[in-house]
């Protein structure tokens, strides 16, 4: 759970300002379609990581 929380927090710390247009003056603009794809990708990564955590043997 901690890994997923860290991933989601880090990803959203970068993705939300990017989607809001904070980096527009630097020439970085994210289209809504790409933003939706990246958000879906983040969800898939968290879900896969959660599934992998189940497969780890308990010590």
PDB file of N, CA and C in Angstrom:
ATOM      1  N   UNK A   1       0.827  -1.196   0.000  1.00  0.00           N
ATOM      2  CA  UNK A   1       0.000   0.000   0.000  1.00  0.00           C
ATOM      3  C   UNK A   1       0.868   1.256   0.000  1.00  0.00           C
ATOM      4  N   UNK A   2       1.974   1.197   0.709  1.00  0.00           N
ATOM      5  CA  UNK A   2       2.843   2.366   0.780  1.00  0.00           C
ATOM      6  C   UNK A   2       3.443   2.663  -0.597  1.00  0.00           C
ATOM      7  N   UNK A   3       3.806   1.622  -1.325  1.00  0.00           N
ATOM      8  CA  UNK A   3       4.340   1.817  -2.671  1.00  0.00           C
ATOM      9  C   UNK A   3       3.307   2.493  -3.567  1.00  0.00           C
ATOM     10  N   UNK A   4       2.083   2.043  -3.503  1.00  0.00           N
ATOM     11  CA  UNK A   4       1.026   2.630  -4.330  1.00  0.00           C
ATOM     12  C   UNK A   4       0.737   4.068  -3.926  1.00  0.00           C
ATOM     13  N   UNK A   5       0.750   4.341  -2.639  1.00  0.00           N
ATOM     14  CA  UNK A   5       0.531   5.701  -2.160  1.00  0.00           C
ATOM     15  C   UNK A   5       1.650   6.623  -2.638  1.00  0.00           C
ATOM     16  N   UNK A   6       2.894   6.144  -2.548  1.00  0.00           N
ATOM     17  CA  UNK A   6       4.032   6.943  -3.002  1.00  0.00           C
ATOM     18  C   UNK A   6       3.949   7.196  -4.506  1.00  0.00           C
ATOM     19  N   UNK A   7       3.616   6.160  -5.270  1.00  0.00           N
ATOM     20  CA  UNK A   7       3.498   6.321  -6.720  1.00  0.00           C
ATOM     21  C   UNK A   7       2.412   7.331  -7.062  1.00  0.00           C
ATOM     22  N   UNK A   8       1.236   7.169  -6.471  1.00  0.00           N
ATOM     23  CA  UNK A   8       0.111   8.043  -6.797  1.00  0.00           C
ATOM     24  C   UNK A   8       0.397   9.492  -6.383  1.00  0.00           C
ATOM     25  N   UNK A   9       1.021   9.685  -5.231  1.00  0.00           N
ATOM     26  CA  UNK A   9       1.337  11.033  -4.769  1.00  0.00           C
ATOM     27  C   UNK A   9       2.356  11.695  -5.683  1.00  0.00           C
ATOM     28  N   UNK A  10       3.419  10.976  -6.016  1.00  0.00           N
ATOM     29  CA  UNK A  10       4.440  11.525  -6.899  1.00  0.00           C
ATOM     30  C   UNK A  10       3.906  11.823  -8.285  1.00  0.00           C
ATOM     31  N   UNK A  11       3.142  10.898  -8.805  1.00  0.00           N
ATOM     32  CA  UNK A  11       2.576  11.074 -10.146  1.00  0.00           C
ATOM     33  C   UNK A  11       1.646  12.285 -10.184  1.00  0.00           C
ATOM     34  N   UNK A  12       0.769  12.381  -9.210  1.00  0.00           N
ATOM     35  CA  UNK A  12      -0.194  13.483  -9.191  1.00  0.00           C
ATOM     36  C   UNK A  12       0.470  14.823  -8.894  1.00  0.00           C
ATOM     37  N   UNK A  13       1.575  14.813  -8.143  1.00  0.00           N
ATOM     38  CA  UNK A  13       2.299  16.057  -7.881  1.00  0.00           C
ATOM     39  C   UNK A  13       2.855  16.649  -9.173  1.00  0.00           C
ATOM     40  N   UNK A  14       3.163  15.801 -10.138  1.00  0.00           N
ATOM     41  CA  UNK A  14       3.654  16.263 -11.438  1.00  0.00           C
ATOM     42  C   UNK A  14       2.509  16.440 -12.431  1.00  0.00           C
ATOM     43  N   UNK A  15       1.591  15.492 -12.460  1.00  0.00           N
ATOM     44  CA  UNK A  15       0.560  15.474 -13.497  1.00  0.00           C
ATOM     45  C   UNK A  15      -0.496  16.568 -13.329  1.00  0.00           C
ATOM     46  N   UNK A  16      -0.876  16.873 -12.122  1.00  0.00           N
ATOM     47  CA  UNK A  16      -1.929  17.878 -11.927  1.00  0.00           C
ATOM     48  C   UNK A  16      -1.477  19.269 -12.380  1.00  0.00           C
ATOM     49  N   UNK A  17      -0.293  19.735 -11.967  1.00  0.00           N
ATOM     50  CA  UNK A  17       0.149  21.040 -12.508  1.00  0.00           C
ATOM     51  C   UNK A  17       0.344  21.017 -14.026  1.00  0.00           C
ATOM     52  N   UNK A  18       0.820  19.890 -14.537  1.00  0.00           N
ATOM     53  CA  UNK A  18       1.000  19.765 -15.987  1.00  0.00           C
ATOM     54  C   UNK A  18      -0.347  19.880 -16.701  1.00  0.00           C
ATOM     55  N   UNK A  19      -1.349  19.193 -16.198  1.00  0.00           N
ATOM     56  CA  UNK A  19      -2.685  19.237 -16.802  1.00  0.00           C
ATOM     57  C   UNK A  19      -3.334  20.615 -16.631  1.00  0.00           C
ATOM     58  N   UNK A  20      -2.973  21.316 -15.565  1.00  0.00           N
ATOM     59  CA  UNK A  20      -3.551  22.636 -15.316  1.00  0.00           C
ATOM     60  C   UNK A  20      -2.906  23.728 -16.166  1.00  0.00           C
ATOM     61  N   UNK A  21      -1.814  23.394 -16.843  1.00  0.00           N
ATOM     62  CA  UNK A  21      -1.170  24.368 -17.716  1.00  0.00           C
ATOM     63  C   UNK A  21      -0.116  25.211 -17.046  1.00  0.00           C
ATOM     64  N   UNK A  22       0.402  24.768 -15.906  1.00  0.00           N
ATOM     65  CA  UNK A  22       1.412  25.529 -15.182  1.00  0.00           C
ATOM     66  C   UNK A  22       2.684  25.707 -16.018  1.00  0.00           C
ATOM     67  N   UNK A  23       2.997  24.735 -16.838  1.00  0.00           N
ATOM     68  CA  UNK A  23       4.220  24.783 -17.632  1.00  0.00           C
ATOM     69  C   UNK A  23       3.982  25.319 -19.046  1.00  0.00           C
ATOM     70  N   UNK A  24       2.870  25.997 -19.257  1.00  0.00           N
ATOM     71  CA  UNK A  24       2.532  26.515 -20.581  1.00  0.00           C
ATOM     72  C   UNK A  24       3.578  27.507 -21.090  1.00  0.00           C
ATOM     73  N   UNK A  25       4.072  28.373 -20.213  1.00  0.00           N
ATOM     74  CA  UNK A  25       5.067  29.371 -20.620  1.00  0.00           C
ATOM     75  C   UNK A  25       6.378  28.709 -21.036  1.00  0.00           C
ATOM     76  N   UNK A  26       6.626  27.503 -20.546  1.00  0.00           N
ATOM     77  CA  UNK A  26       7.828  26.764 -20.933  1.00  0.00           C
ATOM     78  C   UNK A  26       7.596  25.990 -22.235  1.00  0.00           C
ATOM     79  N   UNK A  27       6.405  26.096 -22.803  1.00  0.00           N
ATOM     80  CA  UNK A  27       6.106  25.420 -24.059  1.00  0.00           C
ATOM     81  C   UNK A  27       5.564  24.009 -23.878  1.00  0.00           C
ATOM     82  N   UNK A  28       5.213  23.656 -22.658  1.00  0.00           N
ATOM     83  CA  UNK A  28       4.684  22.310 -22.386  1.00  0.00           C
ATOM     84  C   UNK A  28       3.186  22.431 -22.171  1.00  0.00           C
ATOM     85  N   UNK A  29       2.426  21.858 -23.090  1.00  0.00           N
ATOM     86  CA  UNK A  29       0.968  21.893 -22.993  1.00  0.00           C
ATOM     87  C   UNK A  29       0.439  20.485 -23.202  1.00  0.00           C
ATOM     88  N   UNK A  30      -0.415  20.061 -22.322  1.00  0.00           N
ATOM     89  CA  UNK A  30      -0.956  18.706 -22.347  1.00  0.00           C
ATOM     90  C   UNK A  30      -2.400  18.765 -22.841  1.00  0.00           C
ATOM     91  N   UNK A  31      -2.701  18.024 -23.884  1.00  0.00           N
ATOM     92  CA  UNK A  31      -4.073  17.996 -24.373  1.00  0.00           C
ATOM     93  C   UNK A  31      -4.938  17.157 -23.428  1.00  0.00           C
ATOM     94  N   UNK A  32      -6.226  17.426 -23.368  1.00  0.00           N
ATOM     95  CA  UNK A  32      -7.099  16.652 -22.490  1.00  0.00           C
ATOM     96  C   UNK A  32      -7.090  15.152 -22.799  1.00  0.00           C
ATOM     97  N   UNK A  33      -6.980  14.798 -24.065  1.00  0.00           N
ATOM     98  CA  UNK A  33      -6.962  13.379 -24.433  1.00  0.00           C
ATOM     99  C   UNK A  33      -5.714  12.686 -23.882  1.00  0.00           C
ATOM    100  N   UNK A  34      -4.572  13.333 -24.008  1.00  0.00           N
ATOM    101  CA  UNK A  34      -3.333  12.759 -23.471  1.00  0.00           C
ATOM    102  C   UNK A  34      -3.403  12.701 -21.945  1.00  0.00           C
ATOM    103  N   UNK A  35      -3.981  13.717 -21.324  1.00  0.00           N
ATOM    104  CA  UNK A  35      -4.149  13.718 -19.867  1.00  0.00           C
ATOM    105  C   UNK A  35      -5.002  12.546 -19.401  1.00  0.00           C
ATOM    106  N   UNK A  36      -6.058  12.258 -20.143  1.00  0.00           N
ATOM    107  CA  UNK A  36      -6.925  11.126 -19.791  1.00  0.00           C
ATOM    108  C   UNK A  36      -6.182   9.802 -19.943  1.00  0.00           C
ATOM    109  N   UNK A  37      -5.394   9.682 -20.990  1.00  0.00           N
ATOM    110  CA  UNK A  37      -4.614   8.460 -21.192  1.00  0.00           C
ATOM    111  C   UNK A  37      -3.596   8.281 -20.075  1.00  0.00           C
ATOM    112  N   UNK A  38      -2.906   9.361 -19.713  1.00  0.00           N
ATOM    113  CA  UNK A  38      -1.903   9.267 -18.648  1.00  0.00           C
ATOM    114  C   UNK A  38      -2.533   8.944 -17.291  1.00  0.00           C
ATOM    115  N   UNK A  39      -3.722   9.477 -17.034  1.00  0.00           N
ATOM    116  CA  UNK A  39      -4.388   9.177 -15.769  1.00  0.00           C
ATOM    117  C   UNK A  39      -4.817   7.719 -15.733  1.00  0.00           C
ATOM    118  N   UNK A  40      -5.303   7.216 -16.852  1.00  0.00           N
ATOM    119  CA  UNK A  40      -5.662   5.794 -16.926  1.00  0.00           C
ATOM    120  C   UNK A  40      -4.434   4.915 -16.750  1.00  0.00           C
ATOM    121  N   UNK A  41      -3.320   5.327 -17.335  1.00  0.00           N
ATOM    122  CA  UNK A  41      -2.072   4.580 -17.198  1.00  0.00           C
ATOM    123  C   UNK A  41      -1.636   4.526 -15.737  1.00  0.00           C
ATOM    124  N   UNK A  42      -1.788   5.628 -15.026  1.00  0.00           N
ATOM    125  CA  UNK A  42      -1.444   5.650 -13.602  1.00  0.00           C
ATOM    126  C   UNK A  42      -2.293   4.650 -12.823  1.00  0.00           C
ATOM    127  N   UNK A  43      -3.567   4.591 -13.135  1.00  0.00           N
ATOM    128  CA  UNK A  43      -4.464   3.650 -12.463  1.00  0.00           C
ATOM    129  C   UNK A  43      -4.064   2.209 -12.754  1.00  0.00           C
ATOM    130  N   UNK A  44      -3.705   1.939 -13.983  1.00  0.00           N
ATOM    131  CA  UNK A  44      -3.281   0.586 -14.361  1.00  0.00           C
ATOM    132  C   UNK A  44      -1.996   0.200 -13.630  1.00  0.00           C
ATOM    133  N   UNK A  45      -1.045   1.123 -13.538  1.00  0.00           N
ATOM    134  CA  UNK A  45       0.214   0.834 -12.840  1.00  0.00           C
ATOM    135  C   UNK A  45      -0.035   0.529 -11.366  1.00  0.00           C
ATOM    136  N   UNK A  46      -0.889   1.301 -10.721  1.00  0.00           N
ATOM    137  CA  UNK A  46      -1.200   1.055  -9.315  1.00  0.00           C
ATOM    138  C   UNK A  46      -1.899  -0.297  -9.146  1.00  0.00           C
ATOM    139  N   UNK A  47      -2.808  -0.624 -10.042  1.00  0.00           N
ATOM    140  CA  UNK A  47      -3.515  -1.901  -9.950  1.00  0.00           C
ATOM    141  C   UNK A  47      -2.565  -3.083 -10.165  1.00  0.00           C
ATOM    142  N   UNK A  48      -1.663  -2.958 -11.130  1.00  0.00           N
ATOM    143  CA  UNK A  48      -0.693  -4.036 -11.370  1.00  0.00           C
ATOM    144  C   UNK A  48       0.227  -4.190 -10.167  1.00  0.00           C
ATOM    145  N   UNK A  49       0.671  -3.074  -9.608  1.00  0.00           N
ATOM    146  CA  UNK A  49       1.538  -3.144  -8.433  1.00  0.00           C
ATOM    147  C   UNK A  49       0.818  -3.796  -7.256  1.00  0.00           C
ATOM    148  N   UNK A  50      -0.439  -3.489  -7.066  1.00  0.00           N
ATOM    149  CA  UNK A  50      -1.205  -4.114  -5.990  1.00  0.00           C
ATOM    150  C   UNK A  50      -1.323  -5.614  -6.211  1.00  0.00           C
ATOM    151  N   UNK A  51      -1.528  -6.006  -7.453  1.00  0.00           N
ATOM    152  CA  UNK A  51      -1.621  -7.435  -7.773  1.00  0.00           C
ATOM    153  C   UNK A  51      -0.274  -8.130  -7.513  1.00  0.00           C
ATOM    154  N   UNK A  52       0.831  -7.464  -7.842  1.00  0.00           N
ATOM    155  CA  UNK A  52       2.152  -8.048  -7.602  1.00  0.00           C
ATOM    156  C   UNK A  52       2.448  -8.186  -6.112  1.00  0.00           C
ATOM    157  N   UNK A  53       1.937  -7.256  -5.310  1.00  0.00           N
ATOM    158  CA  UNK A  53       2.155  -7.333  -3.865  1.00  0.00           C
ATOM    159  C   UNK A  53       1.489  -8.577  -3.273  1.00  0.00           C
ATOM    160  N   UNK A  54       0.377  -8.985  -3.850  1.00  0.00           N
ATOM    161  CA  UNK A  54      -0.318 -10.177  -3.375  1.00  0.00           C
ATOM    162  C   UNK A  54       0.532 -11.409  -3.632  1.00  0.00           C
ATOM    163  N   UNK A  55       1.305 -11.396  -4.713  1.00  0.00           N
ATOM    164  CA  UNK A  55       2.096 -12.553  -5.098  1.00  0.00           C
ATOM    165  C   UNK A  55       3.379 -12.716  -4.304  1.00  0.00           C
ATOM    166  N   UNK A  56       3.813 -11.675  -3.582  1.00  0.00           N
ATOM    167  CA  UNK A  56       5.043 -11.764  -2.805  1.00  0.00           C
ATOM    168  C   UNK A  56       4.840 -12.691  -1.604  1.00  0.00           C
ATOM    169  N   UNK A  57       5.807 -13.586  -1.352  1.00  0.00           N
ATOM    170  CA  UNK A  57       5.670 -14.466  -0.189  1.00  0.00           C
ATOM    171  C   UNK A  57       5.810 -13.689   1.117  1.00  0.00           C
ATOM    172  N   UNK A  58       5.051 -14.092   2.101  1.00  0.00           N
ATOM    173  CA  UNK A  58       5.113 -13.433   3.401  1.00  0.00           C
ATOM    174  C   UNK A  58       6.282 -13.994   4.197  1.00  0.00           C
ATOM    175  N   UNK A  59       6.961 -13.105   4.895  1.00  0.00           N
ATOM    176  CA  UNK A  59       8.148 -13.526   5.672  1.00  0.00           C
ATOM    177  C   UNK A  59       7.757 -14.072   7.027  1.00  0.00           C
TER     178      UNK A  59
END
